[in-house]
Amino acid sequence: MIRHLLVSIILTSCLLSQEIETFVVSRNIDIDQSFNFTIKIKDIDIDPEVDISPMLDNFSVIMGPNMGSEYKFINGKKSISRSISWTIIAKKPGQIKIPRLEVVLDGKQYLTEELTMNVSKKETDTIATDMFLKIEVSDSDVKIGEQV
């Protein structure tokens, strides 16, 4: 009896953990580079509630949250997913973790997976700092539609 209960708990937890997916485009970024952090929840048609406060020590939110919905009908089979994303930027260089975040769906709590970001300092380009631009027009008496 206990064995059946334990197996069903393990199977249920494995199935529930596969519903939530977290991803970024690249895990290697520069300190001044913003990136999108997305949480995608499959087989759900309600908006998730996500507490992002644990990641605010190492990251600043530039934009978001942005909600998205995806509805698919393939060979008569319907699939639904919701996504929530933020545009964020790292506060410091180094190996920084996006911690497990709490997602609430219909009163049930789920946790996302932890992601590790490699944030590097951007090397200053000495050529770019010494560069200047001088613009001259070919004709000071310009007509409408005329190339300058």
C-alpha atoms as a PDB file:
ATOM      1  CA  MET A   1       0.000   0.000   0.000  1.00  0.00           C
ATOM      2  CA  ILE A   2       2.741   2.431   0.967  1.00  0.00           C
ATOM      3  CA  ARG A   3       4.704   1.453  -2.135  1.00  0.00           C
ATOM      4  CA  HIS A   4       1.724   2.293  -4.393  1.00  0.00           C
ATOM      5  CA  LEU A   5       1.236   5.614  -2.628  1.00  0.00           C
ATOM      6  CA  LEU A   6       4.928   6.478  -2.969  1.00  0.00           C
ATOM      7  CA  VAL A   7       4.968   5.557  -6.673  1.00  0.00           C
ATOM      8  CA  SER A   8       1.870   7.643  -7.366  1.00  0.00           C
ATOM      9  CA  ILE A   9       3.371  10.653  -5.538  1.00  0.00           C
ATOM     10  CA  ILE A  10       6.613  10.379  -7.529  1.00  0.00           C
ATOM     11  CA  LEU A  11       4.752  10.020 -10.831  1.00  0.00           C
ATOM     12  CA  THR A  12       2.495  12.975 -10.018  1.00  0.00           C
ATOM     13  CA  SER A  13       5.438  15.186  -9.091  1.00  0.00           C
ATOM     14  CA  CYS A  14       7.279  14.215 -12.294  1.00  0.00           C
ATOM     15  CA  LEU A  15       4.245  15.013 -14.419  1.00  0.00           C
ATOM     16  CA  LEU A  16       3.636  18.355 -12.714  1.00  0.00           C
ATOM     17  CA  SER A  17       7.273  19.414 -13.002  1.00  0.00           C
ATOM     18  CA  GLN A  18       7.147  18.918 -16.776  1.00  0.00           C
ATOM     19  CA  GLU A  19       4.307  21.433 -17.170  1.00  0.00           C
ATOM     20  CA  ILE A  20       6.488  24.451 -16.327  1.00  0.00           C
ATOM     21  CA  GLU A  21       9.471  25.388 -18.475  1.00  0.00           C
ATOM     22  CA  THR A  22      11.870  28.303 -17.954  1.00  0.00           C
ATOM     23  CA  PHE A  23      14.256  29.578 -20.575  1.00  0.00           C
ATOM     24  CA  VAL A  24      16.459  32.420 -21.793  1.00  0.00           C
ATOM     25  CA  VAL A  25      17.859  32.924 -25.282  1.00  0.00           C
ATOM     26  CA  SER A  26      21.493  32.720 -24.141  1.00  0.00           C
ATOM     27  CA  ARG A  27      23.103  31.961 -20.795  1.00  0.00           C
ATOM     28  CA  ASN A  28      26.271  33.911 -21.700  1.00  0.00           C
ATOM     29  CA  ILE A  29      25.689  37.681 -21.664  1.00  0.00           C
ATOM     30  CA  ASP A  30      27.533  40.976 -21.152  1.00  0.00           C
ATOM     31  CA  ILE A  31      26.870  43.110 -18.072  1.00  0.00           C
ATOM     32  CA  ASP A  32      25.033  45.779 -20.102  1.00  0.00           C
ATOM     33  CA  GLN A  33      23.039  43.320 -22.210  1.00  0.00           C
ATOM     34  CA  SER A  34      19.344  42.850 -21.486  1.00  0.00           C
ATOM     35  CA  PHE A  35      17.663  39.508 -22.127  1.00  0.00           C
ATOM     36  CA  ASN A  36      14.225  37.900 -21.957  1.00  0.00           C
ATOM     37  CA  PHE A  37      13.437  35.481 -19.155  1.00  0.00           C
ATOM     38  CA  THR A  38      10.355  33.377 -19.955  1.00  0.00           C
ATOM     39  CA  ILE A  39       8.240  30.910 -17.999  1.00  0.00           C
ATOM     40  CA  LYS A  40       5.981  28.709 -20.153  1.00  0.00           C
ATOM     41  CA  ILE A  41       3.193  26.619 -18.642  1.00  0.00           C
ATOM     42  CA  LYS A  42       1.621  23.882 -20.765  1.00  0.00           C
ATOM     43  CA  ASP A  43      -1.968  22.606 -20.662  1.00  0.00           C
ATOM     44  CA  ILE A  44      -3.313  25.553 -18.695  1.00  0.00           C
ATOM     45  CA  ASP A  45      -5.720  28.303 -19.749  1.00  0.00           C
ATOM     46  CA  ILE A  46      -5.350  30.727 -16.844  1.00  0.00           C
ATOM     47  CA  ASP A  47      -2.819  33.458 -16.181  1.00  0.00           C
ATOM     48  CA  PRO A  48      -0.096  32.420 -13.726  1.00  0.00           C
ATOM     49  CA  GLU A  49       0.959  34.414 -10.687  1.00  0.00           C
ATOM     50  CA  VAL A  50       4.746  34.556 -10.318  1.00  0.00           C
ATOM     51  CA  ASP A  51       6.775  35.973  -7.434  1.00  0.00           C
ATOM     52  CA  ILE A  52      10.011  37.320  -8.950  1.00  0.00           C
ATOM     53  CA  SER A  53      11.287  39.000  -5.772  1.00  0.00           C
ATOM     54  CA  PRO A  54      13.990  36.313  -5.146  1.00  0.00           C
ATOM     55  CA  MET A  55      15.774  37.268  -8.384  1.00  0.00           C
ATOM     56  CA  LEU A  56      15.729  41.044  -7.803  1.00  0.00           C
ATOM     57  CA  ASP A  57      18.954  40.927  -5.753  1.00  0.00           C
ATOM     58  CA  ASN A  58      20.982  40.098  -8.879  1.00  0.00           C
ATOM     59  CA  PHE A  59      18.771  41.370 -11.717  1.00  0.00           C
ATOM     60  CA  SER A  60      16.794  44.503 -12.567  1.00  0.00           C
ATOM     61  CA  VAL A  61      13.524  44.297 -14.463  1.00  0.00           C
ATOM     62  CA  ILE A  62      13.468  46.588 -17.478  1.00  0.00           C
ATOM     63  CA  MET A  63      10.095  45.538 -18.865  1.00  0.00           C
ATOM     64  CA  GLY A  64       7.364  43.116 -17.988  1.00  0.00           C
ATOM     65  CA  PRO A  65       5.584  41.012 -17.117  1.00  0.00           C
ATOM     66  CA  ASN A  66       4.356  40.234 -20.630  1.00  0.00           C
ATOM     67  CA  MET A  67       1.674  37.552 -20.952  1.00  0.00           C
ATOM     68  CA  GLY A  68       1.215  35.290 -23.953  1.00  0.00           C
ATOM     69  CA  SER A  69      -1.204  32.544 -24.954  1.00  0.00           C
ATOM     70  CA  GLU A  70      -0.795  29.746 -27.459  1.00  0.00           C
ATOM     71  CA  TYR A  71      -3.640  27.623 -28.793  1.00  0.00           C
ATOM     72  CA  LYS A  72      -2.968  24.709 -31.150  1.00  0.00           C
ATOM     73  CA  PHE A  73      -5.280  22.283 -32.869  1.00  0.00           C
ATOM     74  CA  ILE A  74      -3.345  19.492 -34.562  1.00  0.00           C
ATOM     75  CA  ASN A  75      -5.255  16.486 -35.948  1.00  0.00           C
ATOM     76  CA  GLY A  76      -8.184  17.294 -33.701  1.00  0.00           C
ATOM     77  CA  LYS A  77      -6.051  17.458 -30.561  1.00  0.00           C
ATOM     78  CA  LYS A  78      -6.095  20.748 -28.656  1.00  0.00           C
ATOM     79  CA  SER A  79      -3.123  22.068 -26.722  1.00  0.00           C
ATOM     80  CA  ILE A  80      -2.978  25.274 -24.713  1.00  0.00           C
ATOM     81  CA  SER A  81      -0.063  27.041 -23.086  1.00  0.00           C
ATOM     82  CA  ARG A  82       0.545  30.332 -21.316  1.00  0.00           C
ATOM     83  CA  SER A  83       3.792  32.210 -21.014  1.00  0.00           C
ATOM     84  CA  ILE A  84       4.958  35.107 -18.916  1.00  0.00           C
ATOM     85  CA  SER A  85       8.197  36.947 -19.656  1.00  0.00           C
ATOM     86  CA  TRP A  86      10.330  39.817 -18.408  1.00  0.00           C
ATOM     87  CA  THR A  87      13.176  41.761 -19.980  1.00  0.00           C
ATOM     88  CA  ILE A  88      15.889  41.855 -17.346  1.00  0.00           C
ATOM     89  CA  ILE A  89      19.502  42.968 -16.958  1.00  0.00           C
ATOM     90  CA  ALA A  90      22.205  41.717 -14.565  1.00  0.00           C
ATOM     91  CA  LYS A  91      23.394  44.019 -11.783  1.00  0.00           C
ATOM     92  CA  LYS A  92      26.908  42.533 -11.502  1.00  0.00           C
ATOM     93  CA  PRO A  93      29.287  40.335 -13.493  1.00  0.00           C
ATOM     94  CA  GLY A  94      30.072  36.722 -12.660  1.00  0.00           C
ATOM     95  CA  GLN A  95      28.141  33.492 -12.502  1.00  0.00           C
ATOM     96  CA  ILE A  96      24.676  34.534 -11.334  1.00  0.00           C
ATOM     97  CA  LYS A  97      21.730  32.242 -10.686  1.00  0.00           C
ATOM     98  CA  ILE A  98      18.117  32.926 -11.479  1.00  0.00           C
ATOM     99  CA  PRO A  99      16.629  31.111  -8.474  1.00  0.00           C
ATOM    100  CA  ARG A 100      13.649  28.800  -8.419  1.00  0.00           C
ATOM    101  CA  LEU A 101      10.566  30.992  -8.565  1.00  0.00           C
ATOM    102  CA  GLU A 102       7.146  30.236  -7.152  1.00  0.00           C
ATOM    103  CA  VAL A 103       4.324  29.998  -9.708  1.00  0.00           C
ATOM    104  CA  VAL A 104       0.724  29.869  -8.484  1.00  0.00           C
ATOM    105  CA  LEU A 105      -1.938  28.280 -10.726  1.00  0.00           C
ATOM    106  CA  ASP A 106      -5.475  27.836  -9.397  1.00  0.00           C
ATOM    107  CA  GLY A 107      -4.191  28.086  -5.832  1.00  0.00           C
ATOM    108  CA  LYS A 108      -1.553  25.367  -6.357  1.00  0.00           C
ATOM    109  CA  GLN A 109       2.115  26.262  -5.963  1.00  0.00           C
ATOM    110  CA  TYR A 110       4.804  25.102  -8.391  1.00  0.00           C
ATOM    111  CA  LEU A 111       8.513  25.893  -8.616  1.00  0.00           C
ATOM    112  CA  THR A 112      10.505  26.725 -11.734  1.00  0.00           C
ATOM    113  CA  GLU A 113      13.937  25.325 -12.412  1.00  0.00           C
ATOM    114  CA  GLU A 114      17.052  27.294 -11.495  1.00  0.00           C
ATOM    115  CA  LEU A 115      19.085  28.852 -14.330  1.00  0.00           C
ATOM    116  CA  THR A 116      22.749  29.901 -14.175  1.00  0.00           C
ATOM    117  CA  MET A 117      23.808  32.952 -16.183  1.00  0.00           C
ATOM    118  CA  ASN A 118      27.426  33.756 -17.077  1.00  0.00           C
ATOM    119  CA  VAL A 119      27.652  37.548 -16.997  1.00  0.00           C
ATOM    120  CA  SER A 120      30.893  39.039 -18.289  1.00  0.00           C
ATOM    121  CA  LYS A 121      32.279  42.546 -18.071  1.00  0.00           C
ATOM    122  CA  LYS A 122      32.253  44.329 -21.383  1.00  0.00           C
ATOM    123  CA  GLU A 123      35.689  45.321 -22.585  1.00  0.00           C
ATOM    124  CA  THR A 124      35.926  49.019 -23.423  1.00  0.00           C
ATOM    125  CA  ASP A 125      36.801  49.616 -27.021  1.00  0.00           C
ATOM    126  CA  THR A 126      39.528  52.283 -27.216  1.00  0.00           C
ATOM    127  CA  ILE A 127      38.897  52.892 -30.906  1.00  0.00           C
ATOM    128  CA  ALA A 128      35.217  53.653 -30.307  1.00  0.00           C
ATOM    129  CA  THR A 129      35.999  56.192 -27.569  1.00  0.00           C
ATOM    130  CA  ASP A 130      38.346  58.153 -29.876  1.00  0.00           C
ATOM    131  CA  MET A 131      35.921  58.180 -32.800  1.00  0.00           C
ATOM    132  CA  PHE A 132      34.028  61.234 -33.983  1.00  0.00           C
ATOM    133  CA  LEU A 133      31.735  61.907 -36.907  1.00  0.00           C
ATOM    134  CA  LYS A 134      31.778  64.955 -39.185  1.00  0.00           C
ATOM    135  CA  ILE A 135      28.846  65.423 -41.553  1.00  0.00           C
ATOM    136  CA  GLU A 136      28.786  67.855 -44.469  1.00  0.00           C
ATOM    137  CA  VAL A 137      25.946  68.345 -46.947  1.00  0.00           C
ATOM    138  CA  SER A 138      26.762  68.556 -50.635  1.00  0.00           C
ATOM    139  CA  ASP A 139      24.352  71.403 -51.298  1.00  0.00           C
ATOM    140  CA  SER A 140      23.111  74.002 -48.840  1.00  0.00           C
ATOM    141  CA  ASP A 141      20.125  74.930 -51.057  1.00  0.00           C
ATOM    142  CA  VAL A 142      18.067  71.735 -51.020  1.00  0.00           C
ATOM    143  CA  LYS A 143      14.812  71.171 -52.924  1.00  0.00           C
ATOM    144  CA  ILE A 144      12.071  68.724 -51.877  1.00  0.00           C
ATOM    145  CA  GLY A 145      12.933  65.194 -53.014  1.00  0.00           C
ATOM    146  CA  GLU A 146      16.550  66.088 -53.849  1.00  0.00           C
ATOM    147  CA  GLN A 147      19.361  63.890 -52.553  1.00  0.00           C
ATOM    148  CA  VAL A 148      21.785  65.533 -50.163  1.00  0.00           C
END
